[in-house]
């Protein structure tokens, strides 16, 4: 998660420094994608934990 946070911060920093609209939009879209991937990964990990600890499936 720390790597994802660092990557998002770097992308937002690059977006803030870029004067070109298309490049800035790309950086912001990549930062948004990174956040969404992390959210989905967390959901999948929690689902796996929930299924593993489900006593009805033992």
PDB file of N, CA and C in Angstrom:
ATOM      1  N   UNK A   1       0.824  -1.194   0.000  1.00  0.00           N
ATOM      2  CA  UNK A   1       0.000   0.000   0.000  1.00  0.00           C
ATOM      3  C   UNK A   1       0.870   1.262   0.000  1.00  0.00           C
ATOM      4  N   UNK A   2       2.007   1.181   0.632  1.00  0.00           N
ATOM      5  CA  UNK A   2       2.898   2.342   0.665  1.00  0.00           C
ATOM      6  C   UNK A   2       3.390   2.688  -0.733  1.00  0.00           C
ATOM      7  N   UNK A   3       3.639   1.649  -1.554  1.00  0.00           N
ATOM      8  CA  UNK A   3       4.102   1.896  -2.909  1.00  0.00           C
ATOM      9  C   UNK A   3       3.021   2.588  -3.735  1.00  0.00           C
ATOM     10  N   UNK A   4       1.781   2.160  -3.523  1.00  0.00           N
ATOM     11  CA  UNK A   4       0.659   2.741  -4.264  1.00  0.00           C
ATOM     12  C   UNK A   4       0.480   4.202  -3.861  1.00  0.00           C
ATOM     13  N   UNK A   5       0.610   4.491  -2.591  1.00  0.00           N
ATOM     14  CA  UNK A   5       0.479   5.873  -2.109  1.00  0.00           C
ATOM     15  C   UNK A   5       1.594   6.739  -2.696  1.00  0.00           C
ATOM     16  N   UNK A   6       2.802   6.183  -2.712  1.00  0.00           N
ATOM     17  CA  UNK A   6       3.928   6.929  -3.274  1.00  0.00           C
ATOM     18  C   UNK A   6       3.696   7.198  -4.760  1.00  0.00           C
ATOM     19  N   UNK A   7       3.242   6.181  -5.492  1.00  0.00           N
ATOM     20  CA  UNK A   7       3.007   6.339  -6.930  1.00  0.00           C
ATOM     21  C   UNK A   7       1.940   7.392  -7.192  1.00  0.00           C
ATOM     22  N   UNK A   8       0.877   7.364  -6.417  1.00  0.00           N
ATOM     23  CA  UNK A   8      -0.195   8.354  -6.580  1.00  0.00           C
ATOM     24  C   UNK A   8       0.323   9.755  -6.306  1.00  0.00           C
ATOM     25  N   UNK A   9       1.114   9.912  -5.255  1.00  0.00           N
ATOM     26  CA  UNK A   9       1.680  11.225  -4.939  1.00  0.00           C
ATOM     27  C   UNK A   9       2.588  11.720  -6.056  1.00  0.00           C
ATOM     28  N   UNK A  10       3.375  10.818  -6.620  1.00  0.00           N
ATOM     29  CA  UNK A  10       4.262  11.198  -7.722  1.00  0.00           C
ATOM     30  C   UNK A  10       3.461  11.630  -8.940  1.00  0.00           C
ATOM     31  N   UNK A  11       2.406  10.886  -9.258  1.00  0.00           N
ATOM     32  CA  UNK A  11       1.569  11.238 -10.404  1.00  0.00           C
ATOM     33  C   UNK A  11       0.883  12.589 -10.199  1.00  0.00           C
ATOM     34  N   UNK A  12       0.388  12.830  -8.995  1.00  0.00           N
ATOM     35  CA  UNK A  12      -0.251  14.123  -8.719  1.00  0.00           C
ATOM     36  C   UNK A  12       0.760  15.263  -8.776  1.00  0.00           C
ATOM     37  N   UNK A  13       1.972  15.008  -8.317  1.00  0.00           N
ATOM     38  CA  UNK A  13       3.031  16.016  -8.390  1.00  0.00           C
ATOM     39  C   UNK A  13       3.380  16.327  -9.845  1.00  0.00           C
ATOM     40  N   UNK A  14       3.499  15.286 -10.647  1.00  0.00           N
ATOM     41  CA  UNK A  14       3.782  15.494 -12.077  1.00  0.00           C
ATOM     42  C   UNK A  14       2.657  16.257 -12.758  1.00  0.00           C
ATOM     43  N   UNK A  15       1.426  15.929 -12.385  1.00  0.00           N
ATOM     44  CA  UNK A  15       0.277  16.624 -12.974  1.00  0.00           C
ATOM     45  C   UNK A  15       0.303  18.111 -12.625  1.00  0.00           C
ATOM     46  N   UNK A  16       0.690  18.413 -11.395  1.00  0.00           N
ATOM     47  CA  UNK A  16       0.728  19.813 -10.967  1.00  0.00           C
ATOM     48  C   UNK A  16       1.828  20.599 -11.692  1.00  0.00           C
ATOM     49  N   UNK A  17       2.881  19.920 -12.087  1.00  0.00           N
ATOM     50  CA  UNK A  17       4.015  20.589 -12.727  1.00  0.00           C
ATOM     51  C   UNK A  17       3.883  20.691 -14.243  1.00  0.00           C
ATOM     52  N   UNK A  18       2.961  19.955 -14.813  1.00  0.00           N
ATOM     53  CA  UNK A  18       2.843  19.879 -16.266  1.00  0.00           C
ATOM     54  C   UNK A  18       1.922  20.965 -16.807  1.00  0.00           C
ATOM     55  N   UNK A  19       2.399  21.772 -17.741  1.00  0.00           N
ATOM     56  CA  UNK A  19       1.551  22.824 -18.297  1.00  0.00           C
ATOM     57  C   UNK A  19       0.594  22.328 -19.390  1.00  0.00           C
ATOM     58  N   UNK A  20       0.868  21.150 -19.968  1.00  0.00           N
ATOM     59  CA  UNK A  20       0.056  20.662 -21.080  1.00  0.00           C
ATOM     60  C   UNK A  20      -1.163  19.903 -20.559  1.00  0.00           C
ATOM     61  N   UNK A  21      -2.317  20.234 -21.107  1.00  0.00           N
ATOM     62  CA  UNK A  21      -3.573  19.656 -20.637  1.00  0.00           C
ATOM     63  C   UNK A  21      -3.617  18.143 -20.828  1.00  0.00           C
ATOM     64  N   UNK A  22      -3.226  17.650 -21.990  1.00  0.00           N
ATOM     65  CA  UNK A  22      -3.313  16.210 -22.276  1.00  0.00           C
ATOM     66  C   UNK A  22      -2.420  15.403 -21.339  1.00  0.00           C
ATOM     67  N   UNK A  23      -1.225  15.892 -21.096  1.00  0.00           N
ATOM     68  CA  UNK A  23      -0.302  15.194 -20.210  1.00  0.00           C
ATOM     69  C   UNK A  23      -0.826  15.215 -18.777  1.00  0.00           C
ATOM     70  N   UNK A  24      -1.345  16.355 -18.345  1.00  0.00           N
ATOM     71  CA  UNK A  24      -1.908  16.473 -16.997  1.00  0.00           C
ATOM     72  C   UNK A  24      -3.094  15.535 -16.828  1.00  0.00           C
ATOM     73  N   UNK A  25      -3.946  15.474 -17.844  1.00  0.00           N
ATOM     74  CA  UNK A  25      -5.103  14.573 -17.792  1.00  0.00           C
ATOM     75  C   UNK A  25      -4.656  13.121 -17.703  1.00  0.00           C
ATOM     76  N   UNK A  26      -3.595  12.768 -18.411  1.00  0.00           N
ATOM     77  CA  UNK A  26      -3.057  11.407 -18.351  1.00  0.00           C
ATOM     78  C   UNK A  26      -2.566  11.082 -16.945  1.00  0.00           C
ATOM     79  N   UNK A  27      -1.805  11.984 -16.351  1.00  0.00           N
ATOM     80  CA  UNK A  27      -1.291  11.747 -14.997  1.00  0.00           C
ATOM     81  C   UNK A  27      -2.425  11.609 -13.990  1.00  0.00           C
ATOM     82  N   UNK A  28      -3.431  12.457 -14.113  1.00  0.00           N
ATOM     83  CA  UNK A  28      -4.559  12.381 -13.182  1.00  0.00           C
ATOM     84  C   UNK A  28      -5.360  11.096 -13.371  1.00  0.00           C
ATOM     85  N   UNK A  29      -5.517  10.665 -14.618  1.00  0.00           N
ATOM     86  CA  UNK A  29      -6.219   9.413 -14.882  1.00  0.00           C
ATOM     87  C   UNK A  29      -5.429   8.227 -14.337  1.00  0.00           C
ATOM     88  N   UNK A  30      -4.123   8.256 -14.465  1.00  0.00           N
ATOM     89  CA  UNK A  30      -3.293   7.179 -13.925  1.00  0.00           C
ATOM     90  C   UNK A  30      -3.353   7.145 -12.394  1.00  0.00           C
ATOM     91  N   UNK A  31      -3.386   8.307 -11.774  1.00  0.00           N
ATOM     92  CA  UNK A  31      -3.504   8.361 -10.313  1.00  0.00           C
ATOM     93  C   UNK A  31      -4.849   7.790  -9.873  1.00  0.00           C
ATOM     94  N   UNK A  32      -5.896   8.116 -10.593  1.00  0.00           N
ATOM     95  CA  UNK A  32      -7.228   7.597 -10.287  1.00  0.00           C
ATOM     96  C   UNK A  32      -7.266   6.078 -10.480  1.00  0.00           C
ATOM     97  N   UNK A  33      -6.643   5.598 -11.535  1.00  0.00           N
ATOM     98  CA  UNK A  33      -6.571   4.165 -11.799  1.00  0.00           C
ATOM     99  C   UNK A  33      -5.811   3.446 -10.689  1.00  0.00           C
ATOM    100  N   UNK A  34      -4.743   4.025 -10.248  1.00  0.00           N
ATOM    101  CA  UNK A  34      -3.947   3.440  -9.169  1.00  0.00           C
ATOM    102  C   UNK A  34      -4.776   3.313  -7.887  1.00  0.00           C
ATOM    103  N   UNK A  35      -5.523   4.344  -7.565  1.00  0.00           N
ATOM    104  CA  UNK A  35      -6.385   4.307  -6.376  1.00  0.00           C
ATOM    105  C   UNK A  35      -7.462   3.232  -6.513  1.00  0.00           C
ATOM    106  N   UNK A  36      -8.055   3.130  -7.685  1.00  0.00           N
ATOM    107  CA  UNK A  36      -9.106   2.137  -7.920  1.00  0.00           C
ATOM    108  C   UNK A  36      -8.541   0.718  -7.836  1.00  0.00           C
ATOM    109  N   UNK A  37      -7.364   0.503  -8.375  1.00  0.00           N
ATOM    110  CA  UNK A  37      -6.742  -0.818  -8.281  1.00  0.00           C
ATOM    111  C   UNK A  37      -6.471  -1.197  -6.833  1.00  0.00           C
ATOM    112  N   UNK A  38      -6.011  -0.253  -6.044  1.00  0.00           N
ATOM    113  CA  UNK A  38      -5.754  -0.526  -4.626  1.00  0.00           C
ATOM    114  C   UNK A  38      -7.053  -0.838  -3.897  1.00  0.00           C
ATOM    115  N   UNK A  39      -8.117  -0.113  -4.221  1.00  0.00           N
ATOM    116  CA  UNK A  39      -9.407  -0.371  -3.592  1.00  0.00           C
ATOM    117  C   UNK A  39      -9.902  -1.771  -3.935  1.00  0.00           C
ATOM    118  N   UNK A  40      -9.783  -2.155  -5.187  1.00  0.00           N
ATOM    119  CA  UNK A  40     -10.232  -3.488  -5.614  1.00  0.00           C
ATOM    120  C   UNK A  40      -9.378  -4.596  -5.006  1.00  0.00           C
ATOM    121  N   UNK A  41      -8.093  -4.360  -4.878  1.00  0.00           N
ATOM    122  CA  UNK A  41      -7.211  -5.333  -4.258  1.00  0.00           C
ATOM    123  C   UNK A  41      -7.586  -5.545  -2.794  1.00  0.00           C
ATOM    124  N   UNK A  42      -7.874  -4.463  -2.096  1.00  0.00           N
ATOM    125  CA  UNK A  42      -8.281  -4.561  -0.696  1.00  0.00           C
ATOM    126  C   UNK A  42      -9.588  -5.329  -0.567  1.00  0.00           C
ATOM    127  N   UNK A  43     -10.537  -5.056  -1.439  1.00  0.00           N
ATOM    128  CA  UNK A  43     -11.818  -5.767  -1.410  1.00  0.00           C
ATOM    129  C   UNK A  43     -11.604  -7.256  -1.669  1.00  0.00           C
ATOM    130  N   UNK A  44     -10.774  -7.595  -2.636  1.00  0.00           N
ATOM    131  CA  UNK A  44     -10.511  -9.006  -2.954  1.00  0.00           C
ATOM    132  C   UNK A  44      -9.823  -9.714  -1.794  1.00  0.00           C
ATOM    133  N   UNK A  45      -8.880  -9.053  -1.141  1.00  0.00           N
ATOM    134  CA  UNK A  45      -8.207  -9.658   0.001  1.00  0.00           C
ATOM    135  C   UNK A  45      -9.182  -9.890   1.151  1.00  0.00           C
ATOM    136  N   UNK A  46     -10.050  -8.921   1.392  1.00  0.00           N
ATOM    137  CA  UNK A  46     -11.042  -9.083   2.462  1.00  0.00           C
ATOM    138  C   UNK A  46     -12.028 -10.191   2.134  1.00  0.00           C
ATOM    139  N   UNK A  47     -12.406 -10.321   0.878  1.00  0.00           N
ATOM    140  CA  UNK A  47     -13.309 -11.393   0.474  1.00  0.00           C
ATOM    141  C   UNK A  47     -12.647 -12.751   0.666  1.00  0.00           C
ATOM    142  N   UNK A  48     -11.382 -12.851   0.312  1.00  0.00           N
ATOM    143  CA  UNK A  48     -10.650 -14.099   0.492  1.00  0.00           C
ATOM    144  C   UNK A  48     -10.559 -14.449   1.973  1.00  0.00           C
ATOM    145  N   UNK A  49     -10.274 -13.474   2.811  1.00  0.00           N
ATOM    146  CA  UNK A  49     -10.230 -13.718   4.252  1.00  0.00           C
ATOM    147  C   UNK A  49     -11.583 -14.187   4.770  1.00  0.00           C
ATOM    148  N   UNK A  50     -12.631 -13.564   4.295  1.00  0.00           N
ATOM    149  CA  UNK A  50     -13.975 -13.937   4.736  1.00  0.00           C
ATOM    150  C   UNK A  50     -14.346 -15.342   4.322  1.00  0.00           C
ATOM    151  N   UNK A  51     -13.969 -15.724   3.122  1.00  0.00           N
ATOM    152  CA  UNK A  51     -14.278 -17.080   2.654  1.00  0.00           C
ATOM    153  C   UNK A  51     -13.431 -18.121   3.380  1.00  0.00           C
ATOM    154  N   UNK A  52     -12.194 -17.773   3.687  1.00  0.00           N
ATOM    155  CA  UNK A  52     -11.313 -18.703   4.384  1.00  0.00           C
ATOM    156  C   UNK A  52     -11.814 -18.982   5.786  1.00  0.00           C
ATOM    157  N   UNK A  53     -12.344 -17.981   6.453  1.00  0.00           N
ATOM    158  CA  UNK A  53     -12.782 -18.132   7.839  1.00  0.00           C
ATOM    159  C   UNK A  53     -14.271 -18.429   7.974  1.00  0.00           C
ATOM    160  N   UNK A  54     -14.907 -18.825   6.918  1.00  0.00           N
ATOM    161  CA  UNK A  54     -16.326 -19.168   6.962  1.00  0.00           C
ATOM    162  C   UNK A  54     -16.480 -20.597   7.488  1.00  0.00           C
ATOM    163  N   UNK A  55     -16.997 -20.759   8.713  1.00  0.00           N
ATOM    164  CA  UNK A  55     -17.105 -22.107   9.307  1.00  0.00           C
ATOM    165  C   UNK A  55     -18.023 -23.047   8.544  1.00  0.00           C
ATOM    166  N   UNK A  56     -18.984 -22.544   7.802  1.00  0.00           N
ATOM    167  CA  UNK A  56     -19.899 -23.413   7.063  1.00  0.00           C
ATOM    168  C   UNK A  56     -19.201 -24.128   5.904  1.00  0.00           C
ATOM    169  N   UNK A  57     -18.037 -23.657   5.506  1.00  0.00           N
ATOM    170  CA  UNK A  57     -17.305 -24.286   4.397  1.00  0.00           C
ATOM    171  C   UNK A  57     -16.174 -25.186   4.896  1.00  0.00           C
ATOM    172  N   UNK A  58     -16.069 -25.413   6.208  1.00  0.00           N
ATOM    173  CA  UNK A  58     -14.994 -26.251   6.729  1.00  0.00           C
ATOM    174  C   UNK A  58     -15.366 -27.679   6.624  1.00  0.00           C
TER     175      UNK A  58
END
